[in-house]
Amino acid sequence: MRMQNVMVGECVHEVKVTRLGSGWGVRVFTNGVLNQQTTVYSRQDIGAAARDMLRMEDKCGNISDYASRARHRVGEKLIERRMEEE
């Protein structure tokens, strides 16, 4: 994975997944332009790969609500459930 463009500011992200012959292609578009892509060989790894790429987008300054949620969501639902049980 390699980020091609750093916008440093508010932008729009899209994630697209394509079936390839030997796996799945995961691509992140920033303002409609391809910015990152990777290949995973298991369908179960698509979510983790997309989340990792969106986290890197957010860390490097390509900020959007979509990317920020990917960065801060880890464990959030589990914590909320535990708080409701108490």
N, C-alpha and C. Protein backbone atom coordinates (compact mmCIF):
# COMPACT_ATOMS: atom_id res chain seq x y z
N MET A 1 0.83 -1.17 0.00
CA MET A 1 0.00 0.00 0.00
C MET A 1 0.89 1.24 0.00
N ARG A 2 0.52 2.18 -0.80
CA ARG A 2 1.25 3.44 -0.87
C ARG A 2 0.25 4.54 -1.17
N MET A 3 0.30 5.60 -0.36
CA MET A 3 -0.59 6.72 -0.58
C MET A 3 -0.01 7.60 -1.68
N GLN A 4 -0.81 7.95 -2.66
CA GLN A 4 -0.32 8.72 -3.79
C GLN A 4 -0.49 10.22 -3.59
N ASN A 5 -1.57 10.64 -2.91
CA ASN A 5 -1.85 12.07 -2.74
C ASN A 5 -2.20 12.37 -1.29
N VAL A 6 -1.59 13.42 -0.77
CA VAL A 6 -1.95 13.92 0.55
C VAL A 6 -2.56 15.30 0.36
N MET A 7 -3.85 15.42 0.65
CA MET A 7 -4.57 16.66 0.40
C MET A 7 -4.45 17.65 1.57
N VAL A 8 -4.28 17.14 2.78
CA VAL A 8 -4.25 17.91 4.02
C VAL A 8 -5.46 18.81 4.13
N GLY A 9 -6.55 18.21 4.46
CA GLY A 9 -7.79 18.95 4.63
C GLY A 9 -8.99 18.05 4.42
N GLU A 10 -10.13 18.65 4.39
CA GLU A 10 -11.39 17.93 4.23
C GLU A 10 -11.50 17.37 2.81
N CYS A 11 -11.90 16.11 2.69
CA CYS A 11 -12.06 15.48 1.38
C CYS A 11 -13.14 14.41 1.47
N VAL A 12 -13.41 13.75 0.35
CA VAL A 12 -14.43 12.70 0.26
C VAL A 12 -13.74 11.40 -0.09
N HIS A 13 -14.02 10.35 0.69
CA HIS A 13 -13.43 9.04 0.44
C HIS A 13 -14.47 8.05 -0.07
N GLU A 14 -14.03 7.16 -0.94
CA GLU A 14 -14.83 6.04 -1.41
C GLU A 14 -13.95 4.80 -1.39
N VAL A 15 -14.53 3.67 -1.03
CA VAL A 15 -13.82 2.39 -1.06
C VAL A 15 -14.53 1.51 -2.08
N LYS A 16 -13.75 0.94 -2.99
CA LYS A 16 -14.32 0.04 -4.00
C LYS A 16 -13.57 -1.28 -3.95
N VAL A 17 -14.32 -2.36 -4.08
CA VAL A 17 -13.75 -3.71 -4.04
C VAL A 17 -14.06 -4.39 -5.36
N THR A 18 -13.04 -5.03 -5.95
CA THR A 18 -13.18 -5.71 -7.23
C THR A 18 -12.65 -7.13 -7.10
N ARG A 19 -13.38 -8.07 -7.64
CA ARG A 19 -12.93 -9.47 -7.66
C ARG A 19 -11.85 -9.62 -8.71
N LEU A 20 -10.69 -10.13 -8.30
CA LEU A 20 -9.60 -10.42 -9.23
C LEU A 20 -9.49 -11.94 -9.38
N GLY A 21 -8.68 -12.39 -10.29
CA GLY A 21 -8.54 -13.83 -10.51
C GLY A 21 -8.10 -14.59 -9.27
N SER A 22 -7.14 -14.04 -8.52
CA SER A 22 -6.60 -14.78 -7.38
C SER A 22 -6.93 -14.11 -6.04
N GLY A 23 -7.82 -13.15 -6.02
CA GLY A 23 -8.15 -12.48 -4.76
C GLY A 23 -9.10 -11.33 -4.99
N TRP A 24 -8.95 -10.30 -4.16
CA TRP A 24 -9.82 -9.13 -4.21
C TRP A 24 -8.96 -7.88 -4.23
N GLY A 25 -9.33 -6.94 -5.08
CA GLY A 25 -8.64 -5.65 -5.13
C GLY A 25 -9.42 -4.64 -4.31
N VAL A 26 -8.76 -3.99 -3.37
CA VAL A 26 -9.39 -2.99 -2.51
C VAL A 26 -8.76 -1.64 -2.86
N ARG A 27 -9.59 -0.67 -3.25
CA ARG A 27 -9.08 0.64 -3.66
C ARG A 27 -9.76 1.74 -2.86
N VAL A 28 -8.99 2.76 -2.50
CA VAL A 28 -9.52 3.94 -1.81
C VAL A 28 -9.35 5.12 -2.75
N PHE A 29 -10.47 5.79 -3.01
CA PHE A 29 -10.47 6.99 -3.85
C PHE A 29 -10.64 8.21 -2.95
N THR A 30 -9.85 9.24 -3.20
CA THR A 30 -9.94 10.50 -2.47
C THR A 30 -10.36 11.57 -3.47
N ASN A 31 -11.51 12.18 -3.23
CA ASN A 31 -12.10 13.16 -4.16
C ASN A 31 -12.18 12.62 -5.58
N GLY A 32 -12.52 11.33 -5.70
CA GLY A 32 -12.71 10.71 -7.00
C GLY A 32 -11.45 10.25 -7.70
N VAL A 33 -10.29 10.41 -7.06
CA VAL A 33 -9.01 10.01 -7.66
C VAL A 33 -8.44 8.84 -6.86
N LEU A 34 -7.97 7.80 -7.55
CA LEU A 34 -7.38 6.65 -6.88
C LEU A 34 -6.19 7.10 -6.04
N ASN A 35 -6.21 6.76 -4.76
CA ASN A 35 -5.14 7.18 -3.86
C ASN A 35 -4.38 6.00 -3.27
N GLN A 36 -5.06 4.89 -2.97
CA GLN A 36 -4.41 3.70 -2.43
C GLN A 36 -5.08 2.47 -2.99
N GLN A 37 -4.29 1.41 -3.10
CA GLN A 37 -4.87 0.13 -3.51
C GLN A 37 -4.03 -1.00 -2.96
N THR A 38 -4.68 -2.11 -2.72
CA THR A 38 -4.00 -3.31 -2.26
C THR A 38 -4.78 -4.53 -2.72
N THR A 39 -4.20 -5.68 -2.58
CA THR A 39 -4.83 -6.94 -2.94
C THR A 39 -4.86 -7.83 -1.71
N VAL A 40 -6.01 -8.45 -1.46
CA VAL A 40 -6.14 -9.43 -0.39
C VAL A 40 -6.57 -10.75 -1.02
N TYR A 41 -6.21 -11.83 -0.38
CA TYR A 41 -6.48 -13.13 -0.98
C TYR A 41 -7.61 -13.88 -0.29
N SER A 42 -8.20 -13.28 0.72
CA SER A 42 -9.35 -13.86 1.39
C SER A 42 -10.43 -12.79 1.50
N ARG A 43 -11.65 -13.19 1.27
CA ARG A 43 -12.75 -12.23 1.33
C ARG A 43 -12.90 -11.63 2.73
N GLN A 44 -12.53 -12.40 3.75
CA GLN A 44 -12.62 -11.93 5.13
C GLN A 44 -11.63 -10.82 5.44
N ASP A 45 -10.61 -10.64 4.63
CA ASP A 45 -9.59 -9.61 4.88
C ASP A 45 -9.92 -8.27 4.24
N ILE A 46 -11.01 -8.19 3.49
CA ILE A 46 -11.37 -6.94 2.79
C ILE A 46 -11.60 -5.81 3.79
N GLY A 47 -12.39 -6.07 4.81
CA GLY A 47 -12.71 -5.04 5.79
C GLY A 47 -11.49 -4.51 6.51
N ALA A 48 -10.60 -5.42 6.92
CA ALA A 48 -9.38 -5.00 7.62
C ALA A 48 -8.47 -4.17 6.72
N ALA A 49 -8.35 -4.56 5.47
CA ALA A 49 -7.51 -3.80 4.53
C ALA A 49 -8.08 -2.42 4.28
N ALA A 50 -9.40 -2.32 4.08
CA ALA A 50 -10.03 -1.03 3.85
C ALA A 50 -9.88 -0.14 5.08
N ARG A 51 -10.09 -0.71 6.25
CA ARG A 51 -9.97 0.05 7.48
C ARG A 51 -8.54 0.58 7.67
N ASP A 52 -7.54 -0.26 7.40
CA ASP A 52 -6.14 0.17 7.51
C ASP A 52 -5.82 1.32 6.56
N MET A 53 -6.31 1.23 5.33
CA MET A 53 -6.04 2.30 4.37
C MET A 53 -6.75 3.59 4.77
N LEU A 54 -7.98 3.49 5.25
CA LEU A 54 -8.70 4.69 5.68
C LEU A 54 -8.06 5.31 6.92
N ARG A 55 -7.55 4.47 7.82
CA ARG A 55 -6.85 5.00 9.00
C ARG A 55 -5.61 5.78 8.57
N MET A 56 -4.88 5.27 7.61
CA MET A 56 -3.69 5.97 7.13
C MET A 56 -4.07 7.28 6.45
N GLU A 57 -5.16 7.29 5.71
CA GLU A 57 -5.65 8.53 5.10
C GLU A 57 -5.90 9.58 6.18
N ASP A 58 -6.58 9.19 7.23
CA ASP A 58 -6.91 10.11 8.30
C ASP A 58 -5.65 10.59 9.03
N LYS A 59 -4.73 9.70 9.28
CA LYS A 59 -3.49 10.06 9.97
C LYS A 59 -2.64 11.06 9.18
N CYS A 60 -2.66 10.93 7.87
CA CYS A 60 -1.81 11.77 7.02
C CYS A 60 -2.47 13.09 6.63
N GLY A 61 -3.70 13.31 7.07
CA GLY A 61 -4.32 14.61 6.82
C GLY A 61 -5.43 14.63 5.80
N ASN A 62 -5.71 13.52 5.14
CA ASN A 62 -6.85 13.44 4.22
C ASN A 62 -8.09 13.14 5.06
N ILE A 63 -8.70 14.17 5.60
CA ILE A 63 -9.71 14.03 6.63
C ILE A 63 -11.12 13.97 6.03
N SER A 64 -11.88 12.99 6.47
CA SER A 64 -13.30 12.88 6.16
C SER A 64 -13.96 12.14 7.32
N ASP A 65 -15.26 12.27 7.46
CA ASP A 65 -15.96 11.54 8.52
C ASP A 65 -15.80 10.03 8.33
N TYR A 66 -15.81 9.60 7.09
CA TYR A 66 -15.67 8.18 6.76
C TYR A 66 -14.32 7.64 7.25
N ALA A 67 -13.25 8.35 6.97
CA ALA A 67 -11.91 7.92 7.39
C ALA A 67 -11.75 8.03 8.90
N SER A 68 -12.28 9.08 9.49
CA SER A 68 -12.16 9.26 10.94
C SER A 68 -12.88 8.16 11.70
N ARG A 69 -14.05 7.73 11.22
CA ARG A 69 -14.77 6.65 11.87
C ARG A 69 -13.98 5.35 11.80
N ALA A 70 -13.28 5.11 10.71
CA ALA A 70 -12.47 3.90 10.58
C ALA A 70 -11.33 3.92 11.60
N ARG A 71 -10.86 5.11 11.92
CA ARG A 71 -9.75 5.22 12.86
C ARG A 71 -10.19 5.09 14.31
N HIS A 72 -11.36 5.59 14.65
CA HIS A 72 -11.78 5.64 16.04
C HIS A 72 -12.80 4.59 16.44
N ARG A 73 -13.25 3.78 15.53
CA ARG A 73 -14.34 2.86 15.82
C ARG A 73 -13.90 1.59 16.52
N VAL A 74 -12.65 1.22 16.44
CA VAL A 74 -12.18 -0.06 16.98
C VAL A 74 -12.57 -0.19 18.45
N GLY A 75 -13.37 -1.17 18.78
CA GLY A 75 -13.78 -1.45 20.15
C GLY A 75 -14.90 -0.57 20.67
N GLU A 76 -15.35 0.40 19.91
CA GLU A 76 -16.36 1.34 20.39
C GLU A 76 -17.70 0.66 20.68
N LYS A 77 -18.13 -0.23 19.81
CA LYS A 77 -19.40 -0.92 20.01
C LYS A 77 -19.34 -1.83 21.24
N LEU A 78 -18.22 -2.50 21.45
CA LEU A 78 -18.06 -3.38 22.60
C LEU A 78 -18.13 -2.58 23.89
N ILE A 79 -17.50 -1.43 23.92
CA ILE A 79 -17.52 -0.58 25.11
C ILE A 79 -18.95 -0.11 25.40
N GLU A 80 -19.67 0.30 24.36
CA GLU A 80 -21.06 0.76 24.53
C GLU A 80 -21.93 -0.36 25.10
N ARG A 81 -21.75 -1.58 24.61
CA ARG A 81 -22.55 -2.71 25.11
C ARG A 81 -22.27 -2.97 26.58
N ARG A 82 -20.99 -2.91 26.96
CA ARG A 82 -20.63 -3.16 28.35
C ARG A 82 -21.20 -2.08 29.26
N MET A 83 -21.22 -0.84 28.79
CA MET A 83 -21.77 0.26 29.59
C MET A 83 -23.28 0.07 29.79
N GLU A 84 -23.98 -0.43 28.76
CA GLU A 84 -25.41 -0.64 28.85
C GLU A 84 -25.75 -1.77 29.82
N GLU A 85 -24.88 -2.79 29.90
CA GLU A 85 -25.12 -3.92 30.78
C GLU A 85 -24.98 -3.54 32.24
N GLU A 86 -24.15 -2.56 32.54
CA GLU A 86 -23.90 -2.18 33.94
C GLU A 86 -24.99 -1.37 34.53
